[in-house]
Amino acid sequence: MGGTSINDALDGAITAITAAGCETPRLDAELLLADVLDVSRERLLLDRDLLVEGPAVRAFQNAVRRRAVEREPVAYILARRGFRRLELAVDRRVLIPRPETELLVEVGLTLPRGARVLDVGTGSGAVALSLKDERPDLQLKGSDIDENALQLARANGERLGLQVDWFLADLLVGVPDEFDAILSNPPYVSESERADLAPEILRHEPAGALFSGPDGLDAIRSLIDQAAARASVRLLALEVGARQAAVVIELMRTAGFPAVRSEPDLARIERVVVGER
């Protein structure tokens, strides 16, 4: 009988990924093997007759090497990431969408019918596309400073059949005053935190979407000031880093958003700051 059993293949991969210091070695190995064999994780775990054989052997070895040796995120190896109800294509042009960013979508879902919404720094298009999927009545646009990221967002929108307009912009510079709400997951990591980031982030995710000055607030300060100067903007929601919420709340109030609140993520970190006027 040729090939390697699923259990043996997984055991070897889990050992390698664990030794590399990755946080979820079993999950990583299962996702990578399911992808190589083009089966669901459930079938992988239930079908004891499955074998890893032929080209799948080399493909799985390569995937495990990328994860364990290069510390490449699983989402980049698979070239996709689930976000709310959508499966998005992702690669090194964009940040990997994270569960905490779903809070921005939750805020967007509360907007009045037909509201004009801009997702600033859209990356893969996760926030804008999820809102269009769940609230088709909203008028969605997504912007990014990186044309390469916008190419991926456009491709995601076309594949998913969701109508979002995309355009190139540095925050709100040159952007018309035509939006009721602005949502953003801007860069918010400080330069002093660079050494503390996991290899998956530091080696592979785009630095321009991560770092924002000595305290991580350069982009946030600019975006708050620019949004406050636009008369049509009634709501501004920003994802922020741990321990940044109190400062961002004060920045929003000073800029002219009298009603400001923060929303905690599942780890109870105040993750999204919302200003309304």
C-alpha atoms as a PDB file:
ATOM      1  CA  MET A   1       0.000   0.000   0.000  1.00  0.00           C
ATOM      2  CA  GLY A   2       1.485   3.375  -1.018  1.00  0.00           C
ATOM      3  CA  GLY A   3       1.179   6.748   0.573  1.00  0.00           C
ATOM      4  CA  THR A   4       1.195   8.003   4.143  1.00  0.00           C
ATOM      5  CA  SER A   5      -1.717   7.785   6.552  1.00  0.00           C
ATOM      6  CA  ILE A   6      -3.460  10.967   7.612  1.00  0.00           C
ATOM      7  CA  ASN A   7      -2.414  10.427  11.231  1.00  0.00           C
ATOM      8  CA  ASP A   8       1.248   9.958  10.363  1.00  0.00           C
ATOM      9  CA  ALA A   9       1.264  12.982   8.074  1.00  0.00           C
ATOM     10  CA  LEU A  10      -0.385  15.141  10.724  1.00  0.00           C
ATOM     11  CA  ASP A  11       1.875  13.903  13.513  1.00  0.00           C
ATOM     12  CA  GLY A  12       4.998  14.819  11.569  1.00  0.00           C
ATOM     13  CA  ALA A  13       3.624  18.241  10.653  1.00  0.00           C
ATOM     14  CA  ILE A  14       2.471  18.989  14.193  1.00  0.00           C
ATOM     15  CA  THR A  15       5.915  18.117  15.538  1.00  0.00           C
ATOM     16  CA  ALA A  16       7.620  20.476  13.079  1.00  0.00           C
ATOM     17  CA  ILE A  17       5.164  23.329  13.579  1.00  0.00           C
ATOM     18  CA  THR A  18       5.286  22.967  17.373  1.00  0.00           C
ATOM     19  CA  ALA A  19       9.084  23.053  17.348  1.00  0.00           C
ATOM     20  CA  ALA A  20       8.929  26.298  15.382  1.00  0.00           C
ATOM     21  CA  GLY A  21       7.006  27.957  18.216  1.00  0.00           C
ATOM     22  CA  CYS A  22       3.683  28.415  16.411  1.00  0.00           C
ATOM     23  CA  GLU A  23       0.674  28.831  18.698  1.00  0.00           C
ATOM     24  CA  THR A  24      -1.824  26.450  17.061  1.00  0.00           C
ATOM     25  CA  PRO A  25       0.182  23.591  15.530  1.00  0.00           C
ATOM     26  CA  ARG A  26      -2.607  21.014  15.254  1.00  0.00           C
ATOM     27  CA  LEU A  27      -5.064  23.429  13.698  1.00  0.00           C
ATOM     28  CA  ASP A  28      -2.400  24.703  11.297  1.00  0.00           C
ATOM     29  CA  ALA A  29      -1.455  21.189  10.214  1.00  0.00           C
ATOM     30  CA  GLU A  30      -5.069  20.149   9.698  1.00  0.00           C
ATOM     31  CA  LEU A  31      -5.884  23.239   7.626  1.00  0.00           C
ATOM     32  CA  LEU A  32      -2.817  22.780   5.444  1.00  0.00           C
ATOM     33  CA  LEU A  33      -3.421  19.071   4.856  1.00  0.00           C
ATOM     34  CA  ALA A  34      -7.124  19.553   4.134  1.00  0.00           C
ATOM     35  CA  ASP A  35      -6.184  22.161   1.558  1.00  0.00           C
ATOM     36  CA  VAL A  36      -3.582  19.945  -0.109  1.00  0.00           C
ATOM     37  CA  LEU A  37      -6.038  17.050  -0.329  1.00  0.00           C
ATOM     38  CA  ASP A  38      -8.931  19.373  -1.305  1.00  0.00           C
ATOM     39  CA  VAL A  39     -11.188  18.004   1.421  1.00  0.00           C
ATOM     40  CA  SER A  40     -12.896  19.536   4.454  1.00  0.00           C
ATOM     41  CA  ARG A  41     -11.251  19.373   7.866  1.00  0.00           C
ATOM     42  CA  GLU A  42     -14.174  17.225   8.985  1.00  0.00           C
ATOM     43  CA  ARG A  43     -13.523  14.609   6.311  1.00  0.00           C
ATOM     44  CA  LEU A  44      -9.832  14.739   7.090  1.00  0.00           C
ATOM     45  CA  LEU A  45     -10.542  13.743  10.676  1.00  0.00           C
ATOM     46  CA  LEU A  46     -13.315  11.217   9.993  1.00  0.00           C
ATOM     47  CA  ASP A  47     -12.176   9.375   6.864  1.00  0.00           C
ATOM     48  CA  ARG A  48      -9.523   6.945   8.049  1.00  0.00           C
ATOM     49  CA  ASP A  49      -8.974   5.601   4.541  1.00  0.00           C
ATOM     50  CA  LEU A  50      -7.558   8.864   3.235  1.00  0.00           C
ATOM     51  CA  LEU A  51      -3.890   8.775   2.257  1.00  0.00           C
ATOM     52  CA  VAL A  52      -1.325  11.428   1.456  1.00  0.00           C
ATOM     53  CA  GLU A  53       0.250  10.208  -1.757  1.00  0.00           C
ATOM     54  CA  GLY A  54       1.593  11.303  -5.122  1.00  0.00           C
ATOM     55  CA  PRO A  55       1.999  15.066  -5.638  1.00  0.00           C
ATOM     56  CA  ALA A  56       0.194  15.729  -2.342  1.00  0.00           C
ATOM     57  CA  VAL A  57       3.238  14.496  -0.408  1.00  0.00           C
ATOM     58  CA  ARG A  58       5.518  17.199  -1.786  1.00  0.00           C
ATOM     59  CA  ALA A  59       2.793  19.837  -1.623  1.00  0.00           C
ATOM     60  CA  PHE A  60       2.157  19.138   2.065  1.00  0.00           C
ATOM     61  CA  GLN A  61       5.855  19.099   2.866  1.00  0.00           C
ATOM     62  CA  ASN A  62       6.224  22.475   1.187  1.00  0.00           C
ATOM     63  CA  ALA A  63       3.254  23.931   3.056  1.00  0.00           C
ATOM     64  CA  VAL A  64       4.610  22.712   6.392  1.00  0.00           C
ATOM     65  CA  ARG A  65       8.043  24.136   5.563  1.00  0.00           C
ATOM     66  CA  ARG A  66       6.521  27.535   4.817  1.00  0.00           C
ATOM     67  CA  ARG A  67       4.653  27.462   8.123  1.00  0.00           C
ATOM     68  CA  ALA A  68       7.393  26.046  10.342  1.00  0.00           C
ATOM     69  CA  VAL A  69      10.614  27.371   8.810  1.00  0.00           C
ATOM     70  CA  GLU A  70       9.489  30.637   7.239  1.00  0.00           C
ATOM     71  CA  ARG A  71       6.715  31.242   9.815  1.00  0.00           C
ATOM     72  CA  GLU A  72       4.393  32.240   7.002  1.00  0.00           C
ATOM     73  CA  PRO A  73       0.795  32.703   8.196  1.00  0.00           C
ATOM     74  CA  VAL A  74      -1.593  29.900   7.276  1.00  0.00           C
ATOM     75  CA  ALA A  75      -3.912  32.385   5.558  1.00  0.00           C
ATOM     76  CA  TYR A  76      -1.178  33.366   3.108  1.00  0.00           C
ATOM     77  CA  ILE A  77      -0.278  29.741   2.426  1.00  0.00           C
ATOM     78  CA  LEU A  78      -3.932  28.922   1.738  1.00  0.00           C
ATOM     79  CA  ALA A  79      -4.401  32.294  -0.050  1.00  0.00           C
ATOM     80  CA  ARG A  80      -7.740  32.796   1.667  1.00  0.00           C
ATOM     81  CA  ARG A  81      -9.306  33.822   4.959  1.00  0.00           C
ATOM     82  CA  GLY A  82     -12.843  33.605   6.297  1.00  0.00           C
ATOM     83  CA  PHE A  83     -14.337  36.864   7.553  1.00  0.00           C
ATOM     84  CA  ARG A  84     -17.919  36.890   8.797  1.00  0.00           C
ATOM     85  CA  ARG A  85     -19.971  35.250   6.007  1.00  0.00           C
ATOM     86  CA  LEU A  86     -17.330  35.713   3.315  1.00  0.00           C
ATOM     87  CA  GLU A  87     -14.224  33.889   2.162  1.00  0.00           C
ATOM     88  CA  LEU A  88     -11.683  36.445   0.993  1.00  0.00           C
ATOM     89  CA  ALA A  89      -8.579  35.990  -1.113  1.00  0.00           C
ATOM     90  CA  VAL A  90      -5.558  37.266   0.816  1.00  0.00           C
ATOM     91  CA  ASP A  91      -1.849  37.523   0.136  1.00  0.00           C
ATOM     92  CA  ARG A  92       1.116  39.610   1.231  1.00  0.00           C
ATOM     93  CA  ARG A  93      -0.325  42.740  -0.376  1.00  0.00           C
ATOM     94  CA  VAL A  94      -2.783  43.075   2.521  1.00  0.00           C
ATOM     95  CA  LEU A  95      -3.166  42.448   6.233  1.00  0.00           C
ATOM     96  CA  ILE A  96      -4.907  39.212   7.140  1.00  0.00           C
ATOM     97  CA  PRO A  97      -8.457  40.098   8.302  1.00  0.00           C
ATOM     98  CA  ARG A  98      -8.822  39.422  12.018  1.00  0.00           C
ATOM     99  CA  PRO A  99     -11.877  38.688  14.173  1.00  0.00           C
ATOM    100  CA  GLU A 100     -11.590  41.957  16.105  1.00  0.00           C
ATOM    101  CA  THR A 101     -12.052  43.918  12.877  1.00  0.00           C
ATOM    102  CA  GLU A 102     -15.563  42.474  12.662  1.00  0.00           C
ATOM    103  CA  LEU A 103     -16.448  45.107  15.289  1.00  0.00           C
ATOM    104  CA  LEU A 104     -16.205  47.743  12.550  1.00  0.00           C
ATOM    105  CA  VAL A 105     -18.785  45.799  10.566  1.00  0.00           C
ATOM    106  CA  GLU A 106     -21.037  45.601  13.634  1.00  0.00           C
ATOM    107  CA  VAL A 107     -20.888  49.383  13.928  1.00  0.00           C
ATOM    108  CA  GLY A 108     -21.685  49.750  10.218  1.00  0.00           C
ATOM    109  CA  LEU A 109     -24.725  47.516  10.546  1.00  0.00           C
ATOM    110  CA  THR A 110     -26.344  50.122  12.824  1.00  0.00           C
ATOM    111  CA  LEU A 111     -26.234  52.877  10.184  1.00  0.00           C
ATOM    112  CA  PRO A 112     -29.439  54.301   8.706  1.00  0.00           C
ATOM    113  CA  ARG A 113     -30.774  52.850   5.485  1.00  0.00           C
ATOM    114  CA  GLY A 114     -28.926  54.100   2.402  1.00  0.00           C
ATOM    115  CA  ALA A 115     -26.029  55.636   4.351  1.00  0.00           C
ATOM    116  CA  ARG A 116     -22.921  56.514   2.352  1.00  0.00           C
ATOM    117  CA  VAL A 117     -19.975  54.660   3.888  1.00  0.00           C
ATOM    118  CA  LEU A 118     -16.236  54.788   3.245  1.00  0.00           C
ATOM    119  CA  ASP A 119     -13.872  52.028   4.420  1.00  0.00           C
ATOM    120  CA  VAL A 120     -10.475  53.756   4.693  1.00  0.00           C
ATOM    121  CA  GLY A 121      -7.458  51.476   4.321  1.00  0.00           C
ATOM    122  CA  THR A 122      -9.663  48.719   3.000  1.00  0.00           C
ATOM    123  CA  GLY A 123      -6.894  46.184   2.309  1.00  0.00           C
ATOM    124  CA  SER A 124      -8.583  42.973   1.183  1.00  0.00           C
ATOM    125  CA  GLY A 125     -11.942  44.762   1.251  1.00  0.00           C
ATOM    126  CA  ALA A 126     -13.108  42.773   4.282  1.00  0.00           C
ATOM    127  CA  VAL A 127     -15.109  45.501   6.037  1.00  0.00           C
ATOM    128  CA  ALA A 128     -16.655  47.085   2.953  1.00  0.00           C
ATOM    129  CA  LEU A 129     -17.564  43.767   1.356  1.00  0.00           C
ATOM    130  CA  SER A 130     -19.026  42.321   4.547  1.00  0.00           C
ATOM    131  CA  LEU A 131     -21.189  45.387   5.011  1.00  0.00           C
ATOM    132  CA  LYS A 132     -22.393  45.216   1.406  1.00  0.00           C
ATOM    133  CA  ASP A 133     -23.144  41.527   1.891  1.00  0.00           C
ATOM    134  CA  GLU A 134     -25.156  42.075   5.070  1.00  0.00           C
ATOM    135  CA  ARG A 135     -26.582  45.538   4.313  1.00  0.00           C
ATOM    136  CA  PRO A 136     -27.089  45.794   0.536  1.00  0.00           C
ATOM    137  CA  ASP A 137     -28.885  49.122   1.019  1.00  0.00           C
ATOM    138  CA  LEU A 138     -25.692  50.874   2.116  1.00  0.00           C
ATOM    139  CA  GLN A 139     -23.619  52.780  -0.456  1.00  0.00           C
ATOM    140  CA  LEU A 140     -20.122  51.401   0.040  1.00  0.00           C
ATOM    141  CA  LYS A 141     -16.757  52.641  -1.131  1.00  0.00           C
ATOM    142  CA  GLY A 142     -13.309  51.434  -0.127  1.00  0.00           C
ATOM    143  CA  SER A 143     -10.024  53.310  -0.345  1.00  0.00           C
ATOM    144  CA  ASP A 144      -6.389  52.433   0.173  1.00  0.00           C
ATOM    145  CA  ILE A 145      -3.026  54.131  -0.260  1.00  0.00           C
ATOM    146  CA  ASP A 146      -1.697  51.003  -2.008  1.00  0.00           C
ATOM    147  CA  GLU A 147      -2.901  50.205  -5.526  1.00  0.00           C
ATOM    148  CA  ASN A 148      -1.731  46.607  -5.084  1.00  0.00           C
ATOM    149  CA  ALA A 149      -4.110  46.194  -2.159  1.00  0.00           C
ATOM    150  CA  LEU A 150      -6.935  47.743  -4.168  1.00  0.00           C
ATOM    151  CA  GLN A 151      -6.365  45.226  -6.947  1.00  0.00           C
ATOM    152  CA  LEU A 152      -7.007  42.433  -4.475  1.00  0.00           C
ATOM    153  CA  ALA A 153     -10.065  44.172  -2.993  1.00  0.00           C
ATOM    154  CA  ARG A 154     -11.515  44.642  -6.490  1.00  0.00           C
ATOM    155  CA  ALA A 155     -10.906  40.987  -7.311  1.00  0.00           C
ATOM    156  CA  ASN A 156     -12.643  39.931  -4.087  1.00  0.00           C
ATOM    157  CA  GLY A 157     -15.619  42.136  -4.863  1.00  0.00           C
ATOM    158  CA  GLU A 158     -15.945  40.814  -8.401  1.00  0.00           C
ATOM    159  CA  ARG A 159     -15.655  37.183  -7.323  1.00  0.00           C
ATOM    160  CA  LEU A 160     -18.243  37.653  -4.585  1.00  0.00           C
ATOM    161  CA  GLY A 161     -20.588  39.673  -6.781  1.00  0.00           C
ATOM    162  CA  LEU A 162     -20.704  42.579  -4.313  1.00  0.00           C
ATOM    163  CA  GLN A 163     -20.881  46.140  -5.638  1.00  0.00           C
ATOM    164  CA  VAL A 164     -18.335  48.313  -3.868  1.00  0.00           C
ATOM    165  CA  ASP A 165     -16.478  51.195  -5.528  1.00  0.00           C
ATOM    166  CA  TRP A 166     -12.725  51.328  -4.911  1.00  0.00           C
ATOM    167  CA  PHE A 167     -10.295  54.236  -5.212  1.00  0.00           C
ATOM    168  CA  LEU A 168      -6.743  55.221  -4.368  1.00  0.00           C
ATOM    169  CA  ALA A 169      -6.264  57.749  -1.545  1.00  0.00           C
ATOM    170  CA  ASP A 170      -3.984  58.605   1.369  1.00  0.00           C
ATOM    171  CA  LEU A 171      -6.557  58.646   4.197  1.00  0.00           C
ATOM    172  CA  LEU A 172      -9.007  61.426   3.211  1.00  0.00           C
ATOM    173  CA  VAL A 173      -6.638  63.634   1.223  1.00  0.00           C
ATOM    174  CA  GLY A 174      -8.501  64.675  -1.903  1.00  0.00           C
ATOM    175  CA  VAL A 175     -11.569  62.605  -0.960  1.00  0.00           C
ATOM    176  CA  PRO A 176     -14.895  64.405  -1.593  1.00  0.00           C
ATOM    177  CA  ASP A 177     -17.081  65.375   1.357  1.00  0.00           C
ATOM    178  CA  GLU A 178     -19.820  62.915   0.467  1.00  0.00           C
ATOM    179  CA  PHE A 179     -19.819  60.271   3.206  1.00  0.00           C
ATOM    180  CA  ASP A 180     -22.114  59.878   6.204  1.00  0.00           C
ATOM    181  CA  ALA A 181     -19.829  57.386   7.934  1.00  0.00           C
ATOM    182  CA  ILE A 182     -16.151  56.533   7.836  1.00  0.00           C
ATOM    183  CA  LEU A 183     -14.866  53.196   9.106  1.00  0.00           C
ATOM    184  CA  SER A 184     -11.187  52.308   9.275  1.00  0.00           C
ATOM    185  CA  ASN A 185      -8.672  49.802  10.535  1.00  0.00           C
ATOM    186  CA  PRO A 186      -5.674  52.126  10.150  1.00  0.00           C
ATOM    187  CA  PRO A 187      -2.026  51.380  10.977  1.00  0.00           C
ATOM    188  CA  TYR A 188      -1.701  51.668  14.764  1.00  0.00           C
ATOM    189  CA  VAL A 189       1.414  49.766  15.841  1.00  0.00           C
ATOM    190  CA  SER A 190       4.168  51.924  17.342  1.00  0.00           C
ATOM    191  CA  GLU A 191       7.747  51.640  16.177  1.00  0.00           C
ATOM    192  CA  SER A 192       8.747  50.649  19.711  1.00  0.00           C
ATOM    193  CA  GLU A 193       6.543  47.548  19.441  1.00  0.00           C
ATOM    194  CA  ARG A 194       8.242  46.283  16.285  1.00  0.00           C
ATOM    195  CA  ALA A 195      10.526  43.873  18.147  1.00  0.00           C
ATOM    196  CA  ASP A 196       7.581  42.391  20.061  1.00  0.00           C
ATOM    197  CA  LEU A 197       5.613  41.294  17.005  1.00  0.00           C
ATOM    198  CA  ALA A 198       5.340  37.631  16.087  1.00  0.00           C
ATOM    199  CA  PRO A 199       7.460  36.512  13.118  1.00  0.00           C
ATOM    200  CA  GLU A 200       4.254  35.811  11.170  1.00  0.00           C
ATOM    201  CA  ILE A 201       3.409  39.518  11.300  1.00  0.00           C
ATOM    202  CA  LEU A 202       6.829  41.119  11.120  1.00  0.00           C
ATOM    203  CA  ARG A 203       8.212  38.995   8.281  1.00  0.00           C
ATOM    204  CA  HIS A 204       5.143  38.677   6.104  1.00  0.00           C
ATOM    205  CA  GLU A 205       2.416  41.297   6.611  1.00  0.00           C
ATOM    206  CA  PRO A 206       2.800  44.713   4.913  1.00  0.00           C
ATOM    207  CA  ALA A 207       4.635  47.141   7.186  1.00  0.00           C
ATOM    208  CA  GLY A 208       2.775  50.125   5.766  1.00  0.00           C
ATOM    209  CA  ALA A 209      -0.494  48.732   7.096  1.00  0.00           C
ATOM    210  CA  LEU A 210       0.978  48.099  10.545  1.00  0.00           C
ATOM    211  CA  PHE A 211       3.261  50.899  11.747  1.00  0.00           C
ATOM    212  CA  SER A 212       2.302  54.498  12.382  1.00  0.00           C
ATOM    213  CA  GLY A 213       4.954  56.556  14.117  1.00  0.00           C
ATOM    214  CA  PRO A 214       6.511  56.561  17.583  1.00  0.00           C
ATOM    215  CA  ASP A 215       3.251  55.971  19.470  1.00  0.00           C
ATOM    216  CA  GLY A 216       1.281  54.273  16.686  1.00  0.00           C
ATOM    217  CA  LEU A 217      -1.194  57.150  16.425  1.00  0.00           C
ATOM    218  CA  ASP A 218       0.102  59.183  13.467  1.00  0.00           C
ATOM    219  CA  ALA A 219      -2.487  57.886  10.986  1.00  0.00           C
ATOM    220  CA  ILE A 220      -5.278  57.971  13.573  1.00  0.00           C
ATOM    221  CA  ARG A 221      -4.613  61.617  14.441  1.00  0.00           C
ATOM    222  CA  SER A 222      -4.624  62.609  10.785  1.00  0.00           C
ATOM    223  CA  LEU A 223      -7.767  60.635  10.007  1.00  0.00           C
ATOM    224  CA  ILE A 224      -9.683  62.101  12.946  1.00  0.00           C
ATOM    225  CA  ASP A 225      -8.736  65.663  11.959  1.00  0.00           C
ATOM    226  CA  GLN A 226      -9.609  65.061   8.303  1.00  0.00           C
ATOM    227  CA  ALA A 227     -12.942  63.411   9.118  1.00  0.00           C
ATOM    228  CA  ALA A 228     -13.886  66.165  11.567  1.00  0.00           C
ATOM    229  CA  ALA A 229     -13.344  68.766   8.832  1.00  0.00           C
ATOM    230  CA  ARG A 230     -15.979  67.115   6.597  1.00  0.00           C
ATOM    231  CA  ALA A 231     -19.458  68.349   7.379  1.00  0.00           C
ATOM    232  CA  SER A 232     -21.256  65.277   6.060  1.00  0.00           C
ATOM    233  CA  VAL A 233     -19.479  62.792   8.341  1.00  0.00           C
ATOM    234  CA  ARG A 234     -21.795  61.915  11.218  1.00  0.00           C
ATOM    235  CA  LEU A 235     -19.964  58.797  12.405  1.00  0.00           C
ATOM    236  CA  LEU A 236     -16.299  57.827  12.590  1.00  0.00           C
ATOM    237  CA  ALA A 237     -15.276  54.349  13.774  1.00  0.00           C
ATOM    238  CA  LEU A 238     -11.617  53.371  14.173  1.00  0.00           C
ATOM    239  CA  GLU A 239      -9.963  50.140  15.209  1.00  0.00           C
ATOM    240  CA  VAL A 240      -7.200  50.912  17.713  1.00  0.00           C
ATOM    241  CA  GLY A 241      -4.465  49.074  19.553  1.00  0.00           C
ATOM    242  CA  ALA A 242      -4.503  47.882  23.134  1.00  0.00           C
ATOM    243  CA  ARG A 243      -4.185  50.806  25.566  1.00  0.00           C
ATOM    244  CA  GLN A 244      -4.902  53.366  22.828  1.00  0.00           C
ATOM    245  CA  ALA A 245      -8.653  53.760  23.296  1.00  0.00           C
ATOM    246  CA  ALA A 246      -8.573  56.428  26.022  1.00  0.00           C
ATOM    247  CA  VAL A 247      -6.253  58.659  23.992  1.00  0.00           C
ATOM    248  CA  VAL A 248      -8.281  58.197  20.803  1.00  0.00           C
ATOM    249  CA  ILE A 249     -11.524  58.973  22.636  1.00  0.00           C
ATOM    250  CA  GLU A 250     -10.059  62.282  23.784  1.00  0.00           C
ATOM    251  CA  LEU A 251      -8.738  63.041  20.281  1.00  0.00           C
ATOM    252  CA  MET A 252     -12.214  62.502  18.825  1.00  0.00           C
ATOM    253  CA  ARG A 253     -13.922  64.684  21.440  1.00  0.00           C
ATOM    254  CA  THR A 254     -11.409  67.477  20.927  1.00  0.00           C
ATOM    255  CA  ALA A 255     -11.904  67.263  17.165  1.00  0.00           C
ATOM    256  CA  GLY A 256     -15.661  67.789  17.471  1.00  0.00           C
ATOM    257  CA  PHE A 257     -17.312  64.407  18.003  1.00  0.00           C
ATOM    258  CA  PRO A 258     -19.274  64.946  21.236  1.00  0.00           C
ATOM    259  CA  ALA A 259     -20.619  61.406  21.584  1.00  0.00           C
ATOM    260  CA  VAL A 260     -17.713  58.961  21.751  1.00  0.00           C
ATOM    261  CA  ARG A 261     -17.661  55.375  22.965  1.00  0.00           C
ATOM    262  CA  SER A 262     -15.438  52.311  22.730  1.00  0.00           C
ATOM    263  CA  GLU A 263     -16.368  48.739  21.843  1.00  0.00           C
ATOM    264  CA  PRO A 264     -14.491  45.777  23.406  1.00  0.00           C
ATOM    265  CA  ASP A 265     -13.346  42.738  21.463  1.00  0.00           C
ATOM    266  CA  LEU A 266     -13.655  39.164  22.715  1.00  0.00           C
ATOM    267  CA  ALA A 267     -10.491  39.601  24.784  1.00  0.00           C
ATOM    268  CA  ARG A 268     -12.170  42.608  26.499  1.00  0.00           C
ATOM    269  CA  ILE A 269      -9.692  45.006  24.887  1.00  0.00           C
ATOM    270  CA  GLU A 270     -11.278  48.339  23.947  1.00  0.00           C
ATOM    271  CA  ARG A 271     -10.742  47.758  20.224  1.00  0.00           C
ATOM    272  CA  VAL A 272     -12.993  50.138  18.277  1.00  0.00           C
ATOM    273  CA  VAL A 273     -13.615  53.796  19.094  1.00  0.00           C
ATOM    274  CA  VAL A 274     -16.796  55.320  17.687  1.00  0.00           C
ATOM    275  CA  GLY A 275     -17.453  59.049  17.473  1.00  0.00           C
ATOM    276  CA  GLU A 276     -20.827  60.517  16.456  1.00  0.00           C
ATOM    277  CA  ARG A 277     -22.171  63.987  15.947  1.00  0.00           C
END
